[in-house]
Amino acid sequence: PFAKIDGKQIITSTEALSLPKVPKHLIVIGGGVIGLELGSVWMRLGAKVTVIEFASMIAGAGTDQQTAKLLHRSLSKQGMEFMLSTGVTGVKTSSAGVTVSYETVADKKPGTLEGDVVLVAVGRKPFTDKLGLDSVGVAKDNRGRVVVDAHWRTNVPSIFAIGDAIQGAMLAHKAEEEGVAVAEFIATGHGHVNYETVPGVIYTWPELASVGLSEEALKEKGIEYRSGSFPFVANARAKAIGMTDGQVKVLADAKTDRVLGVHIVGPNASDMIAEAVVAMEFGASSEDIARSFHAHPTVMEVMREAALAVDKRARQS
């Protein structure tokens, strides 16, 4: 409501992939996944980037707060500017550029910011309006998502729905697994997706990758846990390639040692998180990861050291 997309000065993530030139000042409205990823890209290409976020932290609700703060610090060090706890009230365009009006959440203090392109990245909604669902009676919720049961079947028995069209994270790998599960269910009557092990990645540099529960979620659920962290700056391979920002954090059940969550900021975090996904799928403990070989020198050793740190046994690698 505060900005009318024109595809040139006020853009979405679609137009942000094909801007004709590097903006001098890109203003990003929204400090979630899309805003951070595209802001990071254009910053590395030479643009000044300012991110305006209504919340008090970046990376979206549900992200482990310590991990989000590490990414915030790393991006700030690279030159990205952040205006947190700030709401946008309007965007005006002219031949000279764009003017974003805002006010702070706490004290409603107003202000303006000048730039030449505004990227609106406040979330996506499912594209279900033109699929003909109403004509066959498929039910949708108040956010336009197709309503499905535990087997992804809609209220019309012969129609199933998966991916971005239904509730849950809008992730390609989630949709892919749901597609496989639906095919298996149709063929055999059985299909399964473990939503507790769906990894999430923010493709900035460094990357942020997570799977399982955050510390905040564990506290909210009243689950007792132990935490182990290890920084990339103490890893030989990370130092050799000059990419030492960030850490790996492993969260494990205080009684059983079962891994409940893993959160990474660092080089190749999107690749590293796969080990944590497999570990959680098999119900592994932090001790299982700690006692498994990790080749030296690799950044993957940081995962092992973080697992060792759960039991206060981390070393330098």
Protein backbone atom coordinates (compact mmCIF):
# COMPACT_ATOMS: atom_id res chain seq x y z
CA PRO A 1 0.00 0.00 0.00
CA PHE A 2 2.92 2.40 0.58
CA ALA A 3 4.59 1.86 -2.81
CA LYS A 4 3.19 1.30 -6.30
CA ILE A 5 5.46 -1.00 -8.27
CA ASP A 6 6.50 0.53 -11.59
CA GLY A 7 9.25 -1.95 -12.46
CA LYS A 8 11.86 0.79 -12.91
CA GLN A 9 12.30 2.93 -9.81
CA ILE A 10 10.12 0.87 -7.49
CA ILE A 11 10.81 -2.79 -8.15
CA THR A 12 10.26 -6.33 -6.90
CA SER A 13 12.76 -9.17 -6.80
CA THR A 14 11.87 -10.00 -10.41
CA GLU A 15 13.08 -6.66 -11.78
CA ALA A 16 16.04 -6.68 -9.37
CA LEU A 17 17.50 -9.58 -11.34
CA SER A 18 17.80 -7.52 -14.51
CA LEU A 19 18.45 -3.87 -13.65
CA PRO A 20 20.06 -2.09 -16.63
CA LYS A 21 22.82 -0.62 -14.45
CA VAL A 22 24.15 -0.73 -10.91
CA PRO A 23 22.14 1.70 -8.75
CA LYS A 24 24.08 4.36 -6.91
CA HIS A 25 21.82 3.89 -3.89
CA LEU A 26 19.49 0.90 -3.61
CA ILE A 27 16.95 1.16 -0.79
CA VAL A 28 15.60 -2.23 0.25
CA ILE A 29 12.29 -2.37 2.10
CA GLY A 30 12.37 -5.59 4.09
CA GLY A 31 15.30 -7.27 5.81
CA GLY A 32 14.19 -10.84 5.21
CA VAL A 33 15.63 -13.48 2.90
CA ILE A 34 14.91 -11.83 -0.47
CA GLY A 35 15.90 -8.33 0.61
CA LEU A 36 19.19 -9.46 2.11
CA GLU A 37 20.11 -11.71 -0.82
CA LEU A 38 19.50 -9.13 -3.53
CA GLY A 39 20.87 -6.30 -1.41
CA SER A 40 24.04 -8.33 -0.90
CA VAL A 41 24.38 -8.95 -4.64
CA TRP A 42 24.02 -5.29 -5.64
CA MET A 43 26.27 -4.14 -2.80
CA ARG A 44 29.04 -6.41 -4.10
CA LEU A 45 28.48 -4.97 -7.57
CA GLY A 46 29.11 -1.47 -6.23
CA ALA A 47 25.79 -0.06 -5.06
CA LYS A 48 25.25 1.64 -1.74
CA VAL A 49 22.55 -0.43 -0.05
CA THR A 50 20.27 0.59 2.81
CA VAL A 51 17.87 -1.95 4.30
CA ILE A 52 14.77 -0.72 6.14
CA GLU A 53 13.22 -3.35 8.40
CA PHE A 54 10.19 -3.02 10.68
CA ALA A 55 11.42 -5.71 13.07
CA SER A 56 14.31 -5.29 15.49
CA MET A 57 16.45 -7.90 13.71
CA ILE A 58 17.15 -9.07 10.19
CA ALA A 59 16.71 -12.46 8.49
CA GLY A 60 13.04 -12.95 9.31
CA ALA A 61 10.98 -14.27 12.18
CA GLY A 62 12.09 -17.65 13.47
CA THR A 63 15.76 -17.20 12.61
CA ASP A 64 18.10 -17.94 15.50
CA GLN A 65 18.79 -14.47 16.90
CA GLN A 66 22.49 -14.91 17.62
CA THR A 67 22.99 -16.25 14.10
CA ALA A 68 21.05 -13.33 12.59
CA LYS A 69 23.19 -10.87 14.56
CA LEU A 70 26.37 -12.46 13.19
CA LEU A 71 25.08 -12.03 9.63
CA HIS A 72 24.05 -8.45 10.44
CA ARG A 73 27.54 -7.69 11.71
CA SER A 74 29.23 -9.23 8.68
CA LEU A 75 27.04 -7.41 6.15
CA SER A 76 27.49 -4.13 8.04
CA LYS A 77 31.25 -4.61 7.94
CA GLN A 78 30.99 -4.92 4.15
CA GLY A 79 29.11 -1.62 3.94
CA MET A 80 25.42 -2.52 4.02
CA GLU A 81 23.45 -0.06 6.14
CA PHE A 82 20.47 -1.05 8.27
CA MET A 83 17.54 0.88 9.69
CA LEU A 84 15.85 -1.56 12.07
CA SER A 85 12.63 -1.03 14.01
CA THR A 86 11.61 1.36 11.24
CA GLY A 87 8.40 1.39 9.22
CA VAL A 88 8.00 2.80 5.71
CA THR A 89 5.09 5.21 5.36
CA GLY A 90 5.42 6.19 1.71
CA VAL A 91 7.53 6.19 -1.45
CA LYS A 92 7.58 9.00 -4.02
CA THR A 93 9.30 8.98 -7.39
CA SER A 94 10.61 11.79 -9.56
CA SER A 95 13.04 12.28 -12.41
CA ALA A 96 15.76 12.74 -9.79
CA GLY A 97 15.12 9.44 -8.02
CA VAL A 98 13.00 8.12 -5.15
CA THR A 99 12.19 9.42 -1.69
CA VAL A 100 11.24 6.97 1.03
CA SER A 101 9.34 8.31 4.03
CA TYR A 102 9.62 6.37 7.26
CA GLU A 103 9.05 6.53 10.99
CA THR A 104 10.69 4.70 13.86
CA VAL A 105 8.62 2.07 15.62
CA ALA A 106 9.48 3.14 19.16
CA ASP A 107 8.88 6.89 19.11
CA LYS A 108 7.22 7.45 15.70
CA LYS A 109 10.04 9.81 14.70
CA PRO A 110 9.64 10.59 10.98
CA GLY A 111 12.33 10.93 8.35
CA THR A 112 13.13 10.56 4.66
CA LEU A 113 15.77 8.74 2.65
CA GLU A 114 16.85 9.52 -0.91
CA GLY A 115 17.87 6.88 -3.45
CA ASP A 116 17.52 5.99 -7.10
CA VAL A 117 15.89 2.53 -6.84
CA VAL A 118 13.62 1.01 -4.19
CA LEU A 119 13.35 -2.76 -3.90
CA VAL A 120 10.15 -3.87 -2.15
CA ALA A 121 10.94 -7.19 -0.46
CA VAL A 122 8.27 -7.63 2.19
CA GLY A 123 7.33 -11.19 1.30
CA ARG A 124 5.65 -13.23 -1.40
CA LYS A 125 2.13 -14.56 -1.71
CA PRO A 126 1.03 -17.70 -3.56
CA PHE A 127 0.03 -17.30 -7.20
CA THR A 128 -3.29 -19.12 -7.01
CA ASP A 129 -5.77 -16.56 -8.36
CA LYS A 130 -5.63 -17.60 -12.02
CA LEU A 131 -5.47 -21.38 -11.70
CA GLY A 132 -9.21 -21.93 -12.06
CA LEU A 133 -9.49 -23.29 -8.53
CA ASP A 134 -12.78 -21.53 -7.82
CA SER A 135 -14.40 -23.13 -10.86
CA VAL A 136 -13.79 -26.62 -9.45
CA GLY A 137 -14.42 -25.69 -5.83
CA VAL A 138 -10.91 -25.99 -4.37
CA ALA A 139 -10.80 -24.23 -1.00
CA LYS A 140 -8.24 -21.53 -0.16
CA ASP A 141 -7.46 -19.81 3.12
CA ASN A 142 -7.56 -16.06 3.77
CA ARG A 143 -4.01 -15.68 2.42
CA GLY A 144 -4.79 -17.34 -0.90
CA ARG A 145 -3.09 -20.63 -0.04
CA VAL A 146 -4.70 -23.89 -1.09
CA VAL A 147 -6.00 -25.81 1.92
CA VAL A 148 -4.73 -29.40 2.08
CA ASP A 149 -4.83 -32.28 4.54
CA ALA A 150 -1.89 -34.30 5.90
CA HIS A 151 -1.54 -36.02 2.50
CA TRP A 152 -1.62 -32.78 0.45
CA ARG A 153 -5.13 -33.57 -0.80
CA THR A 154 -7.51 -30.64 -1.25
CA ASN A 155 -11.21 -30.70 -0.45
CA VAL A 156 -11.66 -31.98 -4.01
CA PRO A 157 -10.42 -35.59 -3.61
CA SER A 158 -8.81 -35.85 -7.04
CA ILE A 159 -6.77 -32.65 -6.68
CA PHE A 160 -3.55 -32.33 -4.66
CA ALA A 161 -1.43 -29.24 -4.00
CA ILE A 162 2.20 -28.72 -2.97
CA GLY A 163 4.95 -26.13 -2.73
CA ASP A 164 4.40 -22.40 -2.67
CA ALA A 165 0.65 -22.86 -3.22
CA ILE A 166 0.14 -24.30 0.26
CA GLN A 167 1.10 -23.45 3.82
CA GLY A 168 4.76 -23.54 4.81
CA ALA A 169 8.10 -22.22 3.66
CA MET A 170 8.33 -21.17 0.02
CA LEU A 171 11.36 -23.28 -0.81
CA ALA A 172 12.12 -25.27 -3.96
CA HIS A 173 13.52 -28.24 -2.06
CA LYS A 174 10.42 -28.40 0.16
CA ALA A 175 8.17 -28.39 -2.92
CA GLU A 176 10.29 -31.09 -4.56
CA GLU A 177 9.99 -33.43 -1.57
CA GLU A 178 6.25 -32.78 -1.36
CA GLY A 179 5.93 -33.68 -5.04
CA VAL A 180 7.71 -36.98 -4.47
CA ALA A 181 5.58 -37.68 -1.40
CA VAL A 182 2.34 -36.99 -3.28
CA ALA A 183 3.38 -39.31 -6.12
CA GLU A 184 4.20 -42.02 -3.59
CA PHE A 185 0.89 -41.48 -1.80
CA ILE A 186 -1.11 -41.74 -5.01
CA ALA A 187 0.77 -44.90 -6.03
CA THR A 188 1.03 -46.67 -2.67
CA GLY A 189 -1.11 -44.86 -0.12
CA HIS A 190 1.99 -43.73 1.77
CA GLY A 191 4.00 -40.51 1.50
CA HIS A 192 6.02 -38.56 4.03
CA VAL A 193 7.89 -35.26 4.43
CA ASN A 194 9.76 -34.49 7.64
CA TYR A 195 9.14 -30.76 8.01
CA GLU A 196 11.39 -30.63 11.07
CA THR A 197 14.45 -31.08 8.86
CA VAL A 198 13.71 -28.64 6.04
CA PRO A 199 16.84 -26.47 5.75
CA GLY A 200 16.61 -22.75 5.17
CA VAL A 201 19.35 -20.74 3.47
CA ILE A 202 19.98 -17.04 2.93
CA TYR A 203 22.32 -16.74 -0.06
CA THR A 204 24.21 -13.66 1.03
CA TRP A 205 27.97 -13.63 1.48
CA PRO A 206 28.64 -15.05 3.96
CA GLU A 207 25.66 -17.35 3.77
CA LEU A 208 23.27 -18.18 6.59
CA ALA A 209 21.88 -21.71 6.82
CA SER A 210 19.70 -23.32 9.47
CA VAL A 211 17.81 -26.50 10.19
CA GLY A 212 15.69 -27.43 13.19
CA LEU A 213 14.84 -25.25 16.15
CA SER A 214 16.44 -21.96 17.19
CA GLU A 215 17.47 -21.20 20.75
CA GLU A 216 14.44 -18.93 21.09
CA ALA A 217 12.08 -21.70 19.93
CA LEU A 218 13.62 -24.20 22.35
CA LYS A 219 13.17 -21.78 25.24
CA GLU A 220 9.59 -21.06 24.21
CA LYS A 221 8.82 -24.79 24.12
CA GLY A 222 10.50 -25.34 27.48
CA ILE A 223 13.01 -27.82 26.06
CA GLU A 224 16.26 -28.10 27.99
CA TYR A 225 19.24 -28.00 25.66
CA ARG A 226 22.99 -27.58 25.43
CA SER A 227 24.70 -25.35 22.90
CA GLY A 228 28.08 -25.62 21.22
CA SER A 229 29.60 -23.04 18.87
CA PHE A 230 32.83 -22.78 16.93
CA PRO A 231 34.06 -19.82 14.83
CA PHE A 232 35.44 -20.04 11.30
CA VAL A 233 38.30 -17.74 12.33
CA ALA A 234 39.80 -20.71 14.21
CA ASN A 235 39.58 -23.01 11.17
CA ALA A 236 42.67 -23.53 9.00
CA ARG A 237 40.83 -23.79 5.67
CA ALA A 238 38.69 -20.71 6.36
CA LYS A 239 41.83 -18.72 7.15
CA ALA A 240 43.57 -20.03 4.04
CA ILE A 241 40.74 -18.86 1.76
CA GLY A 242 40.28 -15.59 3.67
CA MET A 243 36.67 -16.24 4.70
CA THR A 244 36.60 -16.26 8.48
CA ASP A 245 33.34 -14.50 9.38
CA GLY A 246 30.72 -16.49 11.24
CA GLN A 247 30.36 -19.71 13.17
CA VAL A 248 28.55 -23.03 13.43
CA LYS A 249 26.19 -23.56 16.37
CA VAL A 250 24.84 -26.97 17.36
CA LEU A 251 21.88 -27.28 19.74
CA ALA A 252 21.32 -30.64 21.41
CA ASP A 253 18.84 -32.05 23.90
CA ALA A 254 20.25 -31.71 27.41
CA LYS A 255 19.26 -35.26 28.37
CA THR A 256 19.50 -37.35 25.19
CA ASP A 257 22.09 -35.27 23.28
CA ARG A 258 19.92 -35.58 20.15
CA VAL A 259 20.60 -32.73 17.72
CA LEU A 260 17.66 -30.31 17.75
CA GLY A 261 19.02 -27.53 15.55
CA VAL A 262 22.09 -26.33 13.67
CA HIS A 263 22.70 -22.72 12.65
CA ILE A 264 25.54 -21.52 10.44
CA VAL A 265 26.87 -18.20 9.21
CA GLY A 266 29.93 -18.59 7.06
CA PRO A 267 31.47 -19.73 3.77
CA ASN A 268 29.54 -22.51 2.01
CA ALA A 269 26.94 -22.63 4.78
CA SER A 270 24.38 -23.79 2.21
CA ASP A 271 26.50 -26.89 1.54
CA MET A 272 27.49 -27.48 5.16
CA ILE A 273 23.90 -27.60 6.41
CA ALA A 274 23.33 -30.89 4.54
CA GLU A 275 25.38 -32.77 7.15
CA ALA A 276 23.12 -31.43 9.87
CA VAL A 277 19.99 -32.40 7.91
CA VAL A 278 21.21 -35.98 7.52
CA ALA A 279 22.21 -36.13 11.19
CA MET A 280 18.77 -34.97 12.30
CA GLU A 281 16.99 -37.35 9.90
CA PHE A 282 18.80 -40.26 11.55
CA GLY A 283 18.23 -38.92 15.07
CA ALA A 284 21.95 -38.38 15.62
CA SER A 285 23.47 -36.94 18.76
CA SER A 286 26.07 -34.20 18.88
CA GLU A 287 28.46 -36.94 20.00
CA ASP A 288 27.79 -38.82 16.74
CA ILE A 289 28.89 -35.79 14.73
CA ALA A 290 31.86 -35.15 17.03
CA ARG A 291 33.13 -38.73 16.63
CA SER A 292 32.80 -38.77 12.83
CA PHE A 293 35.80 -38.11 10.59
CA HIS A 294 35.95 -34.68 8.96
CA ALA A 295 38.81 -34.27 6.49
CA HIS A 296 41.54 -31.74 7.25
CA PRO A 297 41.83 -29.02 6.14
CA THR A 298 38.17 -28.30 5.33
CA VAL A 299 35.59 -25.82 6.57
CA MET A 300 33.46 -28.85 7.47
CA GLU A 301 35.71 -29.33 10.49
CA VAL A 302 33.89 -26.38 12.07
CA MET A 303 30.76 -28.56 12.24
CA ARG A 304 32.66 -31.21 14.18
CA GLU A 305 34.22 -28.64 16.51
CA ALA A 306 30.80 -27.11 17.23
CA ALA A 307 29.50 -30.58 18.08
CA LEU A 308 32.49 -31.11 20.37
CA ALA A 309 31.75 -27.74 21.97
CA VAL A 310 28.33 -29.00 23.08
CA ASP A 311 30.31 -31.06 25.59
CA LYS A 312 32.94 -28.30 26.06
CA ARG A 313 35.59 -30.24 24.11
CA ALA A 314 36.22 -28.01 21.08
CA ARG A 315 39.76 -27.55 19.80
CA GLN A 316 41.34 -25.31 17.20
CA SER A 317 41.50 -26.85 13.73
